[in-house]
């Protein structure tokens, strides 16, 4: 049995991964990512400082994962829960 090796540039590999993720989301009707980037987390929290995001994370207020040295992802639902905990009812 022979094995074929496929070599892709980093850019082509990212495109392939993006297409596969899109296909899986469509196939399984996944509307939103469970794990989001720091930029998306900051947008949801309406903050512009990575330091503020780190403080919230380090205080255990939101869930995160650090699967590799350069990748840090945040649990979307934990951010929404954090925002809900700080919501104030109107009068």
N, C-alpha and C. Protein backbone atom coordinates (compact mmCIF):
# COMPACT_ATOMS: atom_id res chain seq x y z
N UNK A 1 0.85 -1.16 0.00
CA UNK A 1 0.00 0.00 0.00
C UNK A 1 0.90 1.23 0.00
N UNK A 2 0.73 2.09 -0.98
CA UNK A 2 1.54 3.30 -1.03
C UNK A 2 0.77 4.46 -0.43
N UNK A 3 1.49 5.37 0.15
CA UNK A 3 0.88 6.57 0.71
C UNK A 3 1.31 7.76 -0.11
N UNK A 4 0.35 8.59 -0.46
CA UNK A 4 0.65 9.81 -1.18
C UNK A 4 0.73 10.96 -0.19
N UNK A 5 1.76 11.75 -0.34
CA UNK A 5 1.92 12.92 0.51
C UNK A 5 1.48 14.15 -0.27
N UNK A 6 0.77 15.03 0.41
CA UNK A 6 0.32 16.27 -0.20
C UNK A 6 0.98 17.41 0.56
N UNK A 7 1.65 18.28 -0.17
CA UNK A 7 2.31 19.43 0.44
C UNK A 7 1.50 20.68 0.10
N UNK A 8 1.17 21.45 1.11
CA UNK A 8 0.43 22.68 0.93
C UNK A 8 1.18 23.83 1.59
N UNK A 9 1.06 24.99 1.01
CA UNK A 9 1.62 26.17 1.66
C UNK A 9 0.75 26.49 2.87
N UNK A 10 1.26 27.23 3.83
CA UNK A 10 0.44 27.59 4.99
C UNK A 10 -0.86 28.29 4.58
N UNK A 11 -0.80 29.15 3.58
CA UNK A 11 -2.00 29.86 3.13
C UNK A 11 -3.02 28.89 2.53
N UNK A 12 -2.55 27.97 1.69
CA UNK A 12 -3.45 26.98 1.09
C UNK A 12 -4.03 26.06 2.16
N UNK A 13 -3.21 25.72 3.16
CA UNK A 13 -3.71 24.87 4.25
C UNK A 13 -4.82 25.59 5.02
N UNK A 14 -4.64 26.87 5.33
CA UNK A 14 -5.67 27.64 6.03
C UNK A 14 -6.95 27.70 5.22
N UNK A 15 -6.82 27.90 3.91
CA UNK A 15 -8.00 27.91 3.04
C UNK A 15 -8.73 26.58 3.08
N UNK A 16 -7.96 25.49 3.04
CA UNK A 16 -8.56 24.16 3.09
C UNK A 16 -9.28 23.95 4.41
N UNK A 17 -8.66 24.33 5.51
CA UNK A 17 -9.29 24.19 6.82
C UNK A 17 -10.56 25.03 6.89
N UNK A 18 -10.51 26.27 6.40
CA UNK A 18 -11.70 27.13 6.41
C UNK A 18 -12.83 26.50 5.61
N UNK A 19 -12.51 25.92 4.46
CA UNK A 19 -13.54 25.27 3.64
C UNK A 19 -14.12 24.06 4.36
N UNK A 20 -13.25 23.29 5.03
CA UNK A 20 -13.73 22.11 5.75
C UNK A 20 -14.62 22.52 6.92
N UNK A 21 -14.22 23.55 7.64
CA UNK A 21 -15.04 24.04 8.76
C UNK A 21 -16.39 24.51 8.24
N UNK A 22 -16.39 25.26 7.14
CA UNK A 22 -17.64 25.71 6.54
C UNK A 22 -18.53 24.55 6.13
N UNK A 23 -17.94 23.52 5.54
CA UNK A 23 -18.69 22.34 5.13
C UNK A 23 -19.31 21.64 6.35
N UNK A 24 -18.52 21.48 7.41
CA UNK A 24 -19.02 20.79 8.61
C UNK A 24 -20.14 21.60 9.25
N UNK A 25 -19.97 22.92 9.33
CA UNK A 25 -21.02 23.76 9.90
C UNK A 25 -22.31 23.64 9.10
N UNK A 26 -22.19 23.65 7.77
CA UNK A 26 -23.37 23.55 6.92
C UNK A 26 -24.02 22.18 7.06
N UNK A 27 -23.21 21.15 7.06
CA UNK A 27 -23.71 19.77 7.13
C UNK A 27 -24.42 19.51 8.45
N UNK A 28 -23.90 20.07 9.54
CA UNK A 28 -24.45 19.80 10.87
C UNK A 28 -25.26 20.98 11.40
N UNK A 29 -25.54 21.94 10.57
CA UNK A 29 -26.33 23.13 10.90
C UNK A 29 -25.80 23.80 12.16
N UNK A 30 -24.52 24.05 12.19
CA UNK A 30 -23.89 24.77 13.29
C UNK A 30 -23.86 26.24 12.91
N UNK A 31 -24.52 27.05 13.68
CA UNK A 31 -24.64 28.46 13.34
C UNK A 31 -23.48 29.30 13.86
N UNK A 32 -23.02 29.03 15.06
CA UNK A 32 -21.95 29.83 15.65
C UNK A 32 -20.87 28.92 16.21
N UNK A 33 -19.65 29.41 16.17
CA UNK A 33 -18.54 28.67 16.75
C UNK A 33 -18.67 28.64 18.27
N UNK A 34 -18.35 27.52 18.85
CA UNK A 34 -18.31 27.43 20.31
C UNK A 34 -17.09 28.17 20.82
N UNK A 35 -15.95 27.97 20.18
CA UNK A 35 -14.70 28.60 20.57
C UNK A 35 -14.41 29.75 19.62
N UNK A 36 -14.12 30.92 20.18
CA UNK A 36 -13.90 32.12 19.37
C UNK A 36 -12.52 32.72 19.68
N UNK A 37 -12.04 33.53 18.76
CA UNK A 37 -10.73 34.16 18.90
C UNK A 37 -10.78 35.29 19.93
N UNK A 38 -9.60 35.76 20.30
CA UNK A 38 -9.51 36.90 21.23
C UNK A 38 -10.21 38.12 20.67
N UNK A 39 -10.05 38.35 19.36
CA UNK A 39 -10.68 39.52 18.74
C UNK A 39 -12.20 39.43 18.82
N UNK A 40 -12.74 38.23 18.57
CA UNK A 40 -14.20 38.05 18.66
C UNK A 40 -14.67 38.20 20.10
N UNK A 41 -13.89 37.67 21.05
CA UNK A 41 -14.24 37.79 22.46
C UNK A 41 -14.26 39.26 22.88
N UNK A 42 -13.26 40.01 22.43
CA UNK A 42 -13.20 41.43 22.78
C UNK A 42 -14.38 42.19 22.16
N UNK A 43 -14.78 41.80 20.95
CA UNK A 43 -15.92 42.44 20.31
C UNK A 43 -17.19 42.16 21.09
N UNK A 44 -17.39 40.90 21.53
CA UNK A 44 -18.58 40.54 22.31
C UNK A 44 -18.62 41.31 23.63
N UNK A 45 -17.47 41.46 24.25
CA UNK A 45 -17.39 42.15 25.54
C UNK A 45 -17.34 43.67 25.39
N UNK A 46 -17.21 44.12 24.14
CA UNK A 46 -17.12 45.55 23.84
C UNK A 46 -15.94 46.20 24.56
N UNK A 47 -14.80 45.51 24.48
CA UNK A 47 -13.56 46.04 25.06
C UNK A 47 -12.52 46.12 23.95
N UNK A 48 -11.54 46.98 24.13
CA UNK A 48 -10.50 47.13 23.10
C UNK A 48 -9.12 46.75 23.62
N UNK A 49 -9.04 46.33 24.86
CA UNK A 49 -7.75 46.03 25.48
C UNK A 49 -7.58 44.53 25.69
N UNK A 50 -6.48 43.99 25.15
CA UNK A 50 -6.17 42.58 25.39
C UNK A 50 -5.84 42.34 26.85
N UNK A 51 -5.34 43.38 27.52
CA UNK A 51 -5.02 43.26 28.94
C UNK A 51 -6.30 43.06 29.75
N UNK A 52 -7.35 43.80 29.41
CA UNK A 52 -8.63 43.64 30.11
C UNK A 52 -9.17 42.24 29.88
N UNK A 53 -9.07 41.74 28.66
CA UNK A 53 -9.52 40.38 28.36
C UNK A 53 -8.72 39.37 29.19
N UNK A 54 -7.42 39.57 29.30
CA UNK A 54 -6.59 38.67 30.09
C UNK A 54 -6.97 38.71 31.56
N UNK A 55 -7.28 39.88 32.08
CA UNK A 55 -7.68 40.00 33.50
C UNK A 55 -8.97 39.23 33.74
N UNK A 56 -9.95 39.40 32.84
CA UNK A 56 -11.22 38.67 32.97
C UNK A 56 -10.96 37.16 32.93
N UNK A 57 -10.12 36.75 31.98
CA UNK A 57 -9.76 35.33 31.84
C UNK A 57 -9.03 34.82 33.08
N UNK A 58 -8.01 35.56 33.53
CA UNK A 58 -7.19 35.12 34.66
C UNK A 58 -7.97 35.06 35.97
N UNK A 59 -9.03 35.87 36.07
CA UNK A 59 -9.88 35.85 37.26
C UNK A 59 -10.93 34.75 37.21
N UNK A 60 -10.88 33.94 36.16
CA UNK A 60 -11.79 32.79 36.06
C UNK A 60 -13.21 33.17 35.69
N UNK A 61 -13.41 34.32 35.11
CA UNK A 61 -14.76 34.78 34.78
C UNK A 61 -15.28 34.18 33.47
N UNK A 62 -14.37 33.84 32.55
CA UNK A 62 -14.77 33.23 31.28
C UNK A 62 -13.87 32.03 31.00
N UNK A 63 -14.43 31.04 30.30
CA UNK A 63 -13.69 29.83 29.96
C UNK A 63 -12.82 30.08 28.73
N UNK A 64 -11.69 29.39 28.70
CA UNK A 64 -10.81 29.49 27.54
C UNK A 64 -10.07 28.18 27.35
N UNK A 65 -9.49 28.03 26.19
CA UNK A 65 -8.65 26.88 25.90
C UNK A 65 -7.39 27.39 25.22
N UNK A 66 -6.31 26.68 25.46
CA UNK A 66 -5.01 27.07 24.92
C UNK A 66 -4.39 25.83 24.27
N UNK A 67 -4.96 25.39 23.12
CA UNK A 67 -4.54 24.10 22.55
C UNK A 67 -3.11 24.07 22.04
N UNK A 68 -2.57 25.20 21.60
CA UNK A 68 -1.18 25.25 21.18
C UNK A 68 -0.57 26.54 21.69
N UNK A 69 0.72 26.66 21.52
CA UNK A 69 1.44 27.82 22.04
C UNK A 69 0.87 29.15 21.54
N UNK A 70 0.46 29.22 20.29
CA UNK A 70 0.02 30.49 19.72
C UNK A 70 -1.49 30.64 19.64
N UNK A 71 -2.24 29.61 19.99
CA UNK A 71 -3.70 29.67 19.86
C UNK A 71 -4.34 29.78 21.24
N UNK A 72 -5.18 30.79 21.40
CA UNK A 72 -5.94 30.99 22.62
C UNK A 72 -7.37 31.27 22.18
N UNK A 73 -8.31 30.43 22.62
CA UNK A 73 -9.70 30.56 22.22
C UNK A 73 -10.59 30.68 23.44
N UNK A 74 -11.73 31.33 23.26
CA UNK A 74 -12.65 31.59 24.36
C UNK A 74 -14.00 30.94 24.09
N UNK A 75 -14.63 30.47 25.14
CA UNK A 75 -15.95 29.87 25.06
C UNK A 75 -17.01 30.97 24.91
N UNK A 76 -17.66 31.01 23.75
CA UNK A 76 -18.65 32.05 23.46
C UNK A 76 -19.73 32.10 24.56
N UNK A 77 -20.25 30.93 24.95
CA UNK A 77 -21.35 30.91 25.92
C UNK A 77 -20.91 31.44 27.27
N UNK A 78 -19.67 31.18 27.68
CA UNK A 78 -19.21 31.69 28.97
C UNK A 78 -19.12 33.21 28.95
N UNK A 79 -18.80 33.78 27.79
CA UNK A 79 -18.78 35.24 27.67
C UNK A 79 -20.19 35.80 27.75
N UNK A 80 -21.14 35.14 27.06
CA UNK A 80 -22.53 35.59 27.14
C UNK A 80 -23.07 35.46 28.56
N UNK A 81 -22.70 34.38 29.25
CA UNK A 81 -23.11 34.20 30.65
C UNK A 81 -22.51 35.29 31.54
N UNK A 82 -21.24 35.62 31.30
CA UNK A 82 -20.57 36.68 32.06
C UNK A 82 -21.31 38.01 31.87
N UNK A 83 -21.67 38.31 30.65
CA UNK A 83 -22.40 39.55 30.38
C UNK A 83 -23.77 39.53 31.07
N UNK A 84 -24.42 38.40 31.03
CA UNK A 84 -25.75 38.28 31.65
C UNK A 84 -25.66 38.46 33.17
N UNK A 85 -24.59 37.95 33.78
CA UNK A 85 -24.41 38.10 35.22
C UNK A 85 -24.26 39.56 35.62
N UNK A 86 -23.77 40.38 34.71
CA UNK A 86 -23.56 41.79 35.00
C UNK A 86 -24.66 42.68 34.44
N UNK A 87 -25.70 42.07 33.92
CA UNK A 87 -26.83 42.84 33.36
C UNK A 87 -27.65 43.41 34.51
N UNK A 88 -28.19 44.57 34.31
CA UNK A 88 -29.06 45.22 35.29
C UNK A 88 -30.44 45.37 34.70
N UNK A 89 -31.43 45.07 35.49
CA UNK A 89 -32.81 45.21 35.05
C UNK A 89 -33.17 46.67 34.99
N UNK A 90 -34.00 47.02 34.01
CA UNK A 90 -34.46 48.41 33.90
C UNK A 90 -35.60 48.64 34.87
N UNK A 91 -35.87 49.88 35.15
CA UNK A 91 -36.92 50.22 36.10
C UNK A 91 -38.24 50.34 35.42
